N, C-alpha and C. Protein backbone atom coordinates (compact mmCIF):
# COMPACT_ATOMS: atom_id res chain seq x y z
N MET A 1 16.90 6.32 -15.87
CA MET A 1 16.90 6.21 -14.37
C MET A 1 16.07 5.16 -13.99
N ALA A 2 16.49 4.69 -12.50
CA ALA A 2 15.74 3.26 -12.02
C ALA A 2 14.36 3.56 -11.73
N GLU A 3 13.71 2.40 -11.72
CA GLU A 3 12.21 2.54 -11.18
C GLU A 3 12.13 2.94 -9.89
N PRO A 4 10.97 3.35 -9.53
CA PRO A 4 10.86 3.80 -8.08
C PRO A 4 10.81 2.53 -7.17
N SER A 5 10.22 1.25 -7.78
CA SER A 5 10.44 -0.07 -6.88
C SER A 5 11.55 -0.37 -6.74
N THR A 6 12.57 0.05 -7.60
CA THR A 6 13.93 -0.52 -7.41
C THR A 6 14.49 0.12 -6.60
N ILE A 7 14.33 1.53 -6.60
CA ILE A 7 14.68 2.52 -5.69
C ILE A 7 14.53 2.32 -4.42
N ALA A 8 13.11 1.93 -4.03
CA ALA A 8 12.63 1.91 -2.67
C ALA A 8 12.82 0.46 -1.97
N ARG A 9 13.07 -0.52 -2.92
CA ARG A 9 13.54 -2.01 -2.42
C ARG A 9 14.33 -1.67 -1.11
N PRO A 10 15.83 -1.24 -1.34
CA PRO A 10 16.58 -1.43 -0.27
C PRO A 10 16.09 -0.80 1.08
N TYR A 11 15.74 0.59 0.86
CA TYR A 11 15.04 1.10 2.06
C TYR A 11 13.88 0.54 2.75
N ALA A 12 12.93 -0.06 1.82
CA ALA A 12 11.81 -0.78 2.60
C ALA A 12 12.59 -2.09 3.28
N GLU A 13 13.28 -2.89 2.75
CA GLU A 13 14.12 -4.03 3.27
C GLU A 13 14.76 -3.52 4.69
N ALA A 14 15.30 -2.40 4.57
CA ALA A 14 16.22 -1.81 5.70
C ALA A 14 15.04 -1.65 6.99
N VAL A 15 13.96 -0.97 6.63
CA VAL A 15 13.14 -0.33 7.49
C VAL A 15 12.27 -1.56 8.21
N PHE A 16 12.19 -2.75 7.40
CA PHE A 16 11.59 -3.69 7.62
C PHE A 16 12.38 -4.65 8.69
N LYS A 17 13.73 -4.85 8.30
CA LYS A 17 14.76 -5.44 9.20
C LYS A 17 14.71 -4.78 10.53
N LEU A 18 14.57 -3.47 10.73
CA LEU A 18 14.90 -2.60 11.96
C LEU A 18 13.48 -2.94 12.80
N ALA A 19 12.33 -2.67 12.00
CA ALA A 19 11.16 -2.70 12.81
C ALA A 19 10.82 -4.49 13.15
N ASP A 20 11.10 -5.18 12.43
CA ASP A 20 11.15 -6.71 12.95
C ASP A 20 11.80 -7.07 13.96
N GLY A 21 13.02 -6.68 13.95
CA GLY A 21 13.84 -7.02 14.94
C GLY A 21 13.73 -6.34 16.12
N SER A 22 12.82 -5.38 16.40
CA SER A 22 12.91 -4.62 17.52
C SER A 22 11.23 -4.59 17.92
N GLY A 23 10.52 -5.36 17.31
CA GLY A 23 9.17 -5.93 17.12
C GLY A 23 8.08 -4.85 17.13
N LYS A 24 8.41 -3.79 16.37
CA LYS A 24 7.70 -2.45 15.96
C LYS A 24 7.08 -2.46 14.59
N LEU A 25 6.69 -3.55 14.12
CA LEU A 25 6.09 -3.61 12.66
C LEU A 25 4.90 -2.50 12.75
N THR A 26 4.08 -2.75 13.55
CA THR A 26 2.81 -1.89 13.55
C THR A 26 3.18 -0.22 13.49
N ASP A 27 3.96 0.02 14.39
CA ASP A 27 4.51 1.37 14.63
C ASP A 27 5.25 1.86 13.47
N TRP A 28 6.14 1.12 12.83
CA TRP A 28 6.65 1.52 11.48
C TRP A 28 5.62 1.61 10.56
N SER A 29 4.53 0.66 10.51
CA SER A 29 3.77 0.78 9.46
C SER A 29 2.71 1.92 9.51
N ALA A 30 2.47 2.64 10.58
CA ALA A 30 1.96 3.64 10.83
C ALA A 30 2.77 4.99 10.52
N ALA A 31 3.95 4.79 10.85
CA ALA A 31 5.15 6.05 10.70
C ALA A 31 5.13 6.13 8.95
N LEU A 32 5.24 4.90 8.27
CA LEU A 32 5.61 4.98 6.93
C LEU A 32 4.32 5.72 6.40
N ALA A 33 2.90 5.20 6.75
CA ALA A 33 1.82 5.87 6.22
C ALA A 33 1.76 7.19 6.44
N ASN A 34 2.15 7.86 7.64
CA ASN A 34 1.94 9.32 7.88
C ASN A 34 3.28 9.95 7.02
N LEU A 35 4.47 9.32 6.84
CA LEU A 35 5.23 9.79 5.82
C LEU A 35 4.96 10.03 4.29
N ALA A 36 4.25 8.97 3.67
CA ALA A 36 3.76 8.72 2.50
C ALA A 36 2.62 9.82 2.29
N ALA A 37 2.00 10.28 3.25
CA ALA A 37 0.72 10.91 3.38
C ALA A 37 1.56 12.60 2.99
N VAL A 38 2.67 12.80 3.89
CA VAL A 38 3.22 14.07 4.00
C VAL A 38 3.90 14.25 2.53
N ALA A 39 4.51 13.22 2.08
CA ALA A 39 5.13 13.32 0.79
C ALA A 39 4.17 13.42 -0.49
N ALA A 40 2.89 13.01 -0.20
CA ALA A 40 2.11 13.14 -1.33
C ALA A 40 1.24 14.38 -1.14
N ASP A 41 1.55 15.20 -0.33
CA ASP A 41 0.81 16.99 -0.22
C ASP A 41 1.59 17.69 -1.06
N ALA A 42 0.67 18.39 -1.85
CA ALA A 42 1.09 19.17 -2.91
C ALA A 42 1.76 20.40 -2.28
N ARG A 43 1.49 20.83 -1.06
CA ARG A 43 1.93 21.89 -0.36
C ARG A 43 3.35 21.65 0.27
N VAL A 44 3.75 20.49 0.18
CA VAL A 44 4.95 19.91 0.99
C VAL A 44 5.82 19.82 -0.35
N ASN A 45 5.33 19.31 -1.29
CA ASN A 45 6.11 19.14 -2.46
C ASN A 45 6.47 20.58 -2.97
N ALA A 46 5.83 21.46 -3.15
CA ALA A 46 5.97 23.00 -3.68
C ALA A 46 7.08 23.36 -2.46
N ALA A 47 7.18 23.19 -1.28
CA ALA A 47 7.78 23.82 -0.16
C ALA A 47 9.31 22.90 -0.40
N THR A 48 9.43 21.76 -0.36
CA THR A 48 10.56 20.89 -0.77
C THR A 48 11.18 20.92 -2.24
N GLY A 49 10.43 21.45 -3.03
CA GLY A 49 11.13 21.49 -4.29
C GLY A 49 12.00 22.61 -4.69
N ASN A 50 11.85 23.72 -3.59
CA ASN A 50 12.66 24.78 -3.57
C ASN A 50 14.28 24.29 -3.56
N PRO A 51 14.96 24.56 -4.59
CA PRO A 51 16.53 24.10 -4.75
C PRO A 51 17.32 24.78 -3.72
N ASP A 52 16.74 25.98 -3.10
CA ASP A 52 17.55 26.58 -2.08
C ASP A 52 17.63 25.98 -0.65
N LEU A 53 16.66 24.78 -0.66
CA LEU A 53 16.68 24.23 0.69
C LEU A 53 17.64 23.08 0.85
N SER A 54 18.23 23.17 1.96
CA SER A 54 19.25 21.97 2.20
C SER A 54 18.28 20.65 2.35
N ALA A 55 19.11 19.43 2.32
CA ALA A 55 18.61 18.31 2.75
C ALA A 55 18.05 18.24 4.25
N ASP A 56 18.83 19.01 4.99
CA ASP A 56 18.70 19.14 6.54
C ASP A 56 17.16 19.88 6.51
N GLN A 57 17.08 20.83 5.82
CA GLN A 57 15.90 21.70 6.16
C GLN A 57 14.49 21.09 5.58
N VAL A 58 14.95 20.14 4.42
CA VAL A 58 13.74 19.43 3.84
C VAL A 58 13.23 18.31 4.77
N ALA A 59 14.36 17.64 5.34
CA ALA A 59 14.14 16.64 6.63
C ALA A 59 13.37 17.50 7.71
N GLY A 60 14.03 18.37 8.20
CA GLY A 60 13.35 19.08 9.31
C GLY A 60 11.81 19.43 9.11
N LEU A 61 11.49 19.91 7.74
CA LEU A 61 10.18 19.90 7.41
C LEU A 61 9.24 18.87 7.59
N TYR A 62 9.77 17.48 7.16
CA TYR A 62 8.99 16.50 7.38
C TYR A 62 8.79 16.07 8.85
N ILE A 63 9.87 16.22 9.45
CA ILE A 63 9.88 15.91 11.13
C ILE A 63 9.21 16.80 11.81
N ALA A 64 8.97 17.92 11.62
CA ALA A 64 8.09 19.08 12.05
C ALA A 64 6.87 18.83 11.95
N ILE A 65 6.53 18.25 10.52
CA ILE A 65 4.96 18.18 10.16
C ILE A 65 4.51 17.05 11.22
N LEU A 66 5.35 15.92 11.23
CA LEU A 66 4.80 14.88 12.08
C LEU A 66 5.46 14.82 13.53
N ALA A 67 5.46 16.06 14.11
CA ALA A 67 5.95 15.97 15.45
C ALA A 67 5.38 14.94 16.19
N GLY A 68 6.19 13.90 17.06
CA GLY A 68 5.42 13.03 17.93
C GLY A 68 4.98 12.05 17.33
N LYS A 69 4.96 12.00 15.84
CA LYS A 69 4.26 10.66 15.41
C LYS A 69 5.63 9.80 14.67
N LEU A 70 6.72 10.13 14.67
CA LEU A 70 7.79 9.41 14.30
C LEU A 70 8.90 9.16 15.55
N PRO A 71 9.31 7.89 15.59
CA PRO A 71 10.04 7.15 16.38
C PRO A 71 11.81 8.20 16.32
N ALA A 72 12.60 8.13 17.16
CA ALA A 72 14.06 8.71 16.91
C ALA A 72 14.38 8.00 15.59
N SER A 73 14.27 6.64 15.38
CA SER A 73 14.90 6.05 14.41
C SER A 73 13.94 6.46 12.92
N GLY A 74 12.82 6.89 13.20
CA GLY A 74 12.00 7.21 11.97
C GLY A 74 12.61 8.48 11.53
N GLU A 75 12.91 9.29 12.71
CA GLU A 75 13.42 10.92 11.99
C GLU A 75 14.93 10.66 11.39
N ASN A 76 15.56 9.70 11.82
CA ASN A 76 16.93 9.32 11.14
C ASN A 76 16.77 8.86 9.71
N PHE A 77 15.53 8.32 9.69
CA PHE A 77 15.32 7.67 8.37
C PHE A 77 14.98 8.65 7.27
N VAL A 78 14.17 9.81 7.82
CA VAL A 78 13.63 11.03 7.08
C VAL A 78 14.93 11.70 6.65
N ARG A 79 16.12 11.78 7.61
CA ARG A 79 17.18 12.43 7.09
C ARG A 79 18.01 11.83 6.05
N VAL A 80 18.14 10.32 6.10
CA VAL A 80 18.58 9.61 4.94
C VAL A 80 18.22 9.76 4.06
N LEU A 81 16.55 9.35 3.62
CA LEU A 81 16.25 9.74 2.66
C LEU A 81 16.23 11.20 1.98
N ALA A 82 16.41 12.17 2.85
CA ALA A 82 16.43 13.66 2.15
C ALA A 82 17.81 13.80 1.51
N GLU A 83 18.90 13.22 2.33
CA GLU A 83 20.35 13.38 1.89
C GLU A 83 20.49 12.63 0.59
N ASN A 84 19.77 11.54 0.49
CA ASN A 84 19.91 10.98 -0.71
C ASN A 84 18.59 11.21 -1.94
N GLY A 85 18.00 12.08 -1.69
CA GLY A 85 17.16 12.61 -2.45
C GLY A 85 15.92 11.74 -3.08
N ARG A 86 15.40 10.89 -1.89
CA ARG A 86 14.71 9.70 -2.13
C ARG A 86 13.35 9.92 -1.15
N LEU A 87 13.13 11.13 -0.92
CA LEU A 87 11.84 11.26 -0.24
C LEU A 87 10.38 11.13 -1.27
N ASP A 88 10.63 11.18 -2.66
CA ASP A 88 9.66 11.17 -3.74
C ASP A 88 9.39 9.51 -3.81
N VAL A 89 9.92 8.53 -3.13
CA VAL A 89 9.60 7.19 -2.97
C VAL A 89 8.84 6.86 -1.96
N LEU A 90 8.64 7.53 -0.99
CA LEU A 90 8.13 7.08 0.34
C LEU A 90 7.10 6.26 0.12
N ASP A 91 6.15 6.55 -0.79
CA ASP A 91 4.69 5.61 -0.80
C ASP A 91 5.23 4.38 -1.28
N GLU A 92 6.22 4.17 -2.11
CA GLU A 92 6.42 2.86 -2.94
C GLU A 92 7.36 1.93 -1.71
N ILE A 93 8.15 3.00 -0.78
CA ILE A 93 8.83 2.27 0.30
C ILE A 93 7.76 1.50 1.22
N ARG A 94 6.55 2.44 1.41
CA ARG A 94 5.53 1.95 2.46
C ARG A 94 5.05 1.08 1.89
N GLN A 95 4.62 0.89 0.49
CA GLN A 95 3.92 -0.40 -0.10
C GLN A 95 4.65 -1.63 0.15
N GLN A 96 6.20 -1.48 -0.21
CA GLN A 96 7.06 -2.72 -0.02
C GLN A 96 7.02 -3.13 1.17
N PHE A 97 7.13 -2.16 2.31
CA PHE A 97 7.14 -2.47 3.73
C PHE A 97 5.90 -3.21 4.07
N GLU A 98 4.75 -2.89 3.77
CA GLU A 98 3.58 -3.48 3.90
C GLU A 98 3.54 -4.79 3.44
N ALA A 99 4.10 -5.06 2.17
CA ALA A 99 4.03 -6.41 1.61
C ALA A 99 4.90 -7.41 2.51
N LEU A 100 6.07 -6.81 2.80
CA LEU A 100 6.89 -7.61 3.86
C LEU A 100 6.25 -7.83 4.90
N LYS A 101 5.50 -6.71 5.53
CA LYS A 101 5.03 -7.06 6.94
C LYS A 101 3.82 -8.23 6.59
N ASN A 102 2.84 -8.30 5.67
CA ASN A 102 1.91 -8.93 5.43
C ASN A 102 2.31 -10.44 5.11
N GLU A 103 3.40 -10.66 4.67
CA GLU A 103 4.27 -11.83 4.23
C GLU A 103 4.63 -12.41 5.83
N ARG A 104 5.29 -11.44 6.60
CA ARG A 104 5.72 -12.13 8.02
C ARG A 104 4.48 -12.76 8.58
N GLU A 105 3.16 -12.08 8.59
CA GLU A 105 2.13 -12.13 9.54
C GLU A 105 1.18 -13.00 8.73
N GLY A 106 1.61 -13.54 7.73
CA GLY A 106 0.82 -14.52 6.95
C GLY A 106 -0.55 -14.12 6.48
N VAL A 107 -0.51 -12.88 6.17
CA VAL A 107 -1.94 -12.07 5.67
C VAL A 107 -1.53 -11.63 4.16
N VAL A 108 -2.53 -11.86 3.21
CA VAL A 108 -2.81 -11.73 1.97
C VAL A 108 -3.74 -10.34 1.75
N GLU A 109 -3.57 -9.34 0.74
CA GLU A 109 -4.45 -8.29 0.71
C GLU A 109 -5.39 -8.56 -0.50
N ALA A 110 -6.50 -8.58 -0.09
CA ALA A 110 -7.43 -8.52 -1.32
C ALA A 110 -8.42 -7.60 -1.68
N GLU A 111 -8.29 -7.06 -2.84
CA GLU A 111 -9.00 -5.93 -3.31
C GLU A 111 -10.39 -6.55 -3.77
N ILE A 112 -11.58 -6.45 -3.30
CA ILE A 112 -12.89 -7.08 -3.61
C ILE A 112 -13.58 -5.69 -4.15
N VAL A 113 -14.08 -6.13 -5.61
CA VAL A 113 -14.90 -4.89 -6.19
C VAL A 113 -16.18 -5.61 -6.53
N SER A 114 -17.40 -5.03 -6.03
CA SER A 114 -18.60 -5.52 -6.20
C SER A 114 -19.39 -4.69 -6.93
N ALA A 115 -20.50 -5.37 -7.32
CA ALA A 115 -21.55 -4.57 -8.21
C ALA A 115 -22.48 -3.82 -7.39
N PHE A 116 -22.85 -4.21 -6.38
CA PHE A 116 -23.41 -3.56 -5.22
C PHE A 116 -22.64 -3.62 -3.90
N ASP A 117 -23.29 -2.95 -2.80
CA ASP A 117 -22.76 -2.78 -1.52
C ASP A 117 -22.91 -4.04 -0.96
N LEU A 118 -21.80 -4.78 0.01
CA LEU A 118 -22.00 -5.99 0.46
C LEU A 118 -22.38 -5.72 1.89
N ASP A 119 -23.24 -6.67 2.37
CA ASP A 119 -23.42 -6.24 4.01
C ASP A 119 -22.34 -7.29 4.82
N GLN A 120 -22.28 -6.95 6.06
CA GLN A 120 -21.18 -7.42 6.86
C GLN A 120 -21.35 -8.94 6.66
N GLY A 121 -22.26 -9.74 6.57
CA GLY A 121 -22.53 -11.26 6.83
C GLY A 121 -21.93 -11.67 5.30
N GLN A 122 -22.26 -10.94 4.32
CA GLN A 122 -21.68 -11.24 2.86
C GLN A 122 -20.42 -11.12 2.77
N LEU A 123 -19.53 -9.94 3.39
CA LEU A 123 -18.19 -9.70 3.36
C LEU A 123 -17.51 -10.96 4.21
N ALA A 124 -18.30 -11.13 5.42
CA ALA A 124 -17.49 -12.30 6.27
C ALA A 124 -17.54 -13.68 5.57
N ASP A 125 -18.61 -13.81 4.95
CA ASP A 125 -18.53 -15.16 4.13
C ASP A 125 -17.57 -15.10 3.13
N LEU A 126 -17.40 -13.93 2.29
CA LEU A 126 -16.44 -13.93 1.21
C LEU A 126 -14.94 -14.08 1.86
N VAL A 127 -14.72 -13.42 2.84
CA VAL A 127 -13.66 -13.54 3.46
C VAL A 127 -13.10 -14.89 4.16
N ALA A 128 -14.12 -15.40 4.42
CA ALA A 128 -13.90 -16.58 4.99
C ALA A 128 -13.28 -17.79 4.06
N ARG A 129 -14.16 -17.69 2.68
CA ARG A 129 -13.91 -18.55 1.85
C ARG A 129 -12.66 -18.22 0.70
N LEU A 130 -12.02 -16.95 1.13
CA LEU A 130 -11.00 -16.47 0.51
C LEU A 130 -9.76 -16.76 1.27
N GLU A 131 -9.98 -17.20 3.02
CA GLU A 131 -9.15 -17.61 3.61
C GLU A 131 -8.70 -18.90 3.60
N LYS A 132 -9.99 -19.82 3.36
CA LYS A 132 -9.88 -21.13 3.31
C LYS A 132 -9.14 -21.50 1.93
N HIS A 133 -9.37 -20.77 0.62
CA HIS A 133 -8.90 -21.02 -0.33
C HIS A 133 -7.39 -20.73 -0.50
N THR A 134 -6.87 -19.41 0.29
CA THR A 134 -5.50 -19.31 0.27
C THR A 134 -4.65 -19.84 1.49
N GLY A 135 -5.32 -20.39 2.49
CA GLY A 135 -4.55 -20.63 3.71
C GLY A 135 -3.89 -19.55 4.49
N ARG A 136 -4.48 -18.36 4.24
CA ARG A 136 -3.60 -17.13 4.89
C ARG A 136 -4.90 -16.28 5.30
N LYS A 137 -4.39 -15.53 5.98
CA LYS A 137 -5.51 -14.42 6.53
C LYS A 137 -5.59 -13.60 5.61
N VAL A 138 -7.01 -13.15 5.26
CA VAL A 138 -7.44 -12.17 4.15
C VAL A 138 -7.70 -10.67 4.92
N LYS A 139 -6.91 -9.82 4.53
CA LYS A 139 -7.15 -8.32 4.74
C LYS A 139 -7.98 -7.79 3.34
N ALA A 140 -8.94 -7.35 3.82
CA ALA A 140 -9.80 -7.18 2.41
C ALA A 140 -10.17 -5.75 2.45
N SER A 141 -10.44 -5.13 1.30
CA SER A 141 -10.61 -3.77 0.93
C SER A 141 -11.65 -3.84 -0.16
N VAL A 142 -13.01 -3.05 0.32
CA VAL A 142 -14.04 -3.30 -0.72
C VAL A 142 -14.23 -2.04 -1.22
N SER A 143 -14.63 -2.09 -2.70
CA SER A 143 -15.29 -0.91 -3.43
C SER A 143 -16.32 -1.38 -4.37
N VAL A 144 -17.14 -0.51 -4.70
CA VAL A 144 -18.43 -0.81 -5.36
C VAL A 144 -18.21 -0.13 -6.70
N ASP A 145 -18.42 -0.94 -7.90
CA ASP A 145 -18.39 -0.67 -9.20
C ASP A 145 -19.66 -1.14 -10.00
N ARG A 146 -20.67 -0.36 -10.13
CA ARG A 146 -21.94 -0.62 -10.49
C ARG A 146 -21.83 -1.08 -12.22
N GLU A 147 -20.43 -0.71 -12.90
CA GLU A 147 -20.47 -1.36 -14.21
C GLU A 147 -20.14 -2.60 -14.35
N LEU A 148 -19.88 -3.35 -13.23
CA LEU A 148 -19.74 -4.84 -13.40
C LEU A 148 -21.27 -5.53 -13.58
N ILE A 149 -22.16 -4.74 -13.52
CA ILE A 149 -23.59 -5.60 -13.54
C ILE A 149 -24.24 -6.53 -12.30
N GLY A 150 -23.35 -7.11 -11.91
CA GLY A 150 -23.56 -8.05 -10.91
C GLY A 150 -22.36 -9.12 -10.50
N GLY A 151 -22.21 -9.44 -9.22
CA GLY A 151 -21.00 -10.24 -9.00
C GLY A 151 -20.07 -9.41 -8.28
N VAL A 152 -18.85 -10.26 -7.93
CA VAL A 152 -17.86 -9.48 -7.56
C VAL A 152 -16.32 -9.98 -8.54
N LYS A 153 -15.29 -9.07 -8.37
CA LYS A 153 -14.07 -9.07 -9.18
C LYS A 153 -13.16 -9.20 -7.75
N ILE A 154 -12.44 -9.96 -7.62
CA ILE A 154 -11.29 -10.39 -6.50
C ILE A 154 -9.84 -10.12 -7.08
N VAL A 155 -9.06 -9.37 -6.47
CA VAL A 155 -7.80 -9.15 -6.94
C VAL A 155 -6.92 -9.70 -5.59
N LEU A 156 -6.22 -11.02 -5.66
CA LEU A 156 -5.28 -11.12 -4.85
C LEU A 156 -3.92 -11.68 -5.12
N GLY A 157 -3.10 -10.32 -4.96
CA GLY A 157 -1.79 -9.86 -5.41
C GLY A 157 -1.83 -10.19 -6.88
N ASP A 158 -1.17 -11.12 -7.57
CA ASP A 158 -1.15 -11.10 -9.08
C ASP A 158 -2.52 -11.92 -9.71
N LYS A 159 -3.08 -12.45 -8.71
CA LYS A 159 -4.43 -13.52 -9.19
C LYS A 159 -5.53 -12.69 -9.30
N VAL A 160 -6.39 -12.99 -10.12
CA VAL A 160 -7.78 -12.09 -10.55
C VAL A 160 -8.69 -13.25 -10.33
N ILE A 161 -9.91 -13.41 -9.68
CA ILE A 161 -10.97 -13.99 -9.75
C ILE A 161 -12.04 -12.83 -10.08
N ASP A 162 -12.68 -13.29 -11.44
CA ASP A 162 -13.59 -12.29 -11.94
C ASP A 162 -15.16 -13.07 -12.11
N GLY A 163 -15.56 -12.96 -11.20
CA GLY A 163 -16.83 -13.69 -11.10
C GLY A 163 -18.07 -12.64 -11.47
N SER A 164 -17.78 -11.41 -12.00
CA SER A 164 -18.54 -10.38 -12.41
C SER A 164 -19.76 -10.73 -13.46
N ALA A 165 -20.73 -10.36 -13.67
CA ALA A 165 -21.83 -10.62 -14.76
C ALA A 165 -21.03 -9.97 -16.09
N ARG A 166 -20.47 -8.67 -15.84
CA ARG A 166 -19.71 -8.14 -17.01
C ARG A 166 -18.70 -9.09 -17.79
N ALA A 167 -17.85 -9.55 -16.76
CA ALA A 167 -16.79 -10.44 -17.31
C ALA A 167 -17.37 -11.90 -18.11
N GLN A 168 -18.55 -12.49 -17.56
CA GLN A 168 -19.22 -13.55 -18.14
C GLN A 168 -19.74 -13.18 -19.43
N LEU A 169 -20.25 -11.73 -19.55
CA LEU A 169 -21.13 -11.27 -20.93
C LEU A 169 -20.08 -11.26 -21.81
N THR A 170 -18.77 -10.61 -21.64
CA THR A 170 -17.61 -10.40 -22.45
C THR A 170 -17.32 -11.61 -22.98
N ALA A 171 -16.94 -12.79 -22.18
CA ALA A 171 -16.48 -14.06 -22.44
C ALA A 171 -17.66 -14.61 -23.14
N LEU A 172 -18.77 -14.45 -23.05
CA LEU A 172 -20.14 -14.96 -24.31
C LEU A 172 -19.99 -14.38 -25.27
N GLU A 173 -19.61 -13.32 -25.49
CA GLU A 173 -19.50 -12.65 -26.50
C GLU A 173 -18.39 -12.83 -27.64
N TYR A 174 -17.21 -13.27 -26.84
CA TYR A 174 -15.98 -13.41 -27.61
C TYR A 174 -16.00 -14.97 -28.02
N ALA A 175 -16.96 -15.89 -27.25
CA ALA A 175 -17.09 -17.30 -27.61
C ALA A 175 -18.06 -17.27 -28.88
N LEU A 176 -19.14 -16.29 -28.97
CA LEU A 176 -19.97 -15.95 -30.09
C LEU A 176 -19.14 -15.67 -31.48
N LYS A 177 -18.41 -15.16 -31.06
CA LYS A 177 -17.47 -14.13 -32.37
C LYS A 177 -16.68 -15.57 -32.84
N ALA A 178 -16.32 -16.35 -32.09
CA ALA A 178 -14.80 -17.46 -32.60
C ALA A 178 -15.91 -18.35 -33.35
């Protein structure tokens, strides 16, 4: 069976093309986030897992849950996914859509993990430095991991900048063993 990312790619690209062409990237971003949340709900999965339900009934369930939160083309999108048995890759479609949207808008997502809570000034300074480093606008998500001991670990796409005390101690331990 194909990987979810492979299955999701054509759908994400098609939705992106539609949204970009109509100037509705933000609207579609919200719609896909809502759809992915519905797809992740255990109760919905239990209901849609019933083999007696037709694709139209499954699509109708999603559309009813998100009444008023989907554009008409979003309802058609749900129907296509249901007919093709692809509602299970909605989160992957959302992720790939967001990556395309960020690329179009010149945005890079940064996952910042800190040993301690960062105040607004520290976060703003770090984001400014990352923007200067990447030459792109940085959209940061911050979390705390006390096991880092000190410092921060930053993930920018496939690049990792690990300035944590834990990483430095691990490197020192490795150097001493060599």
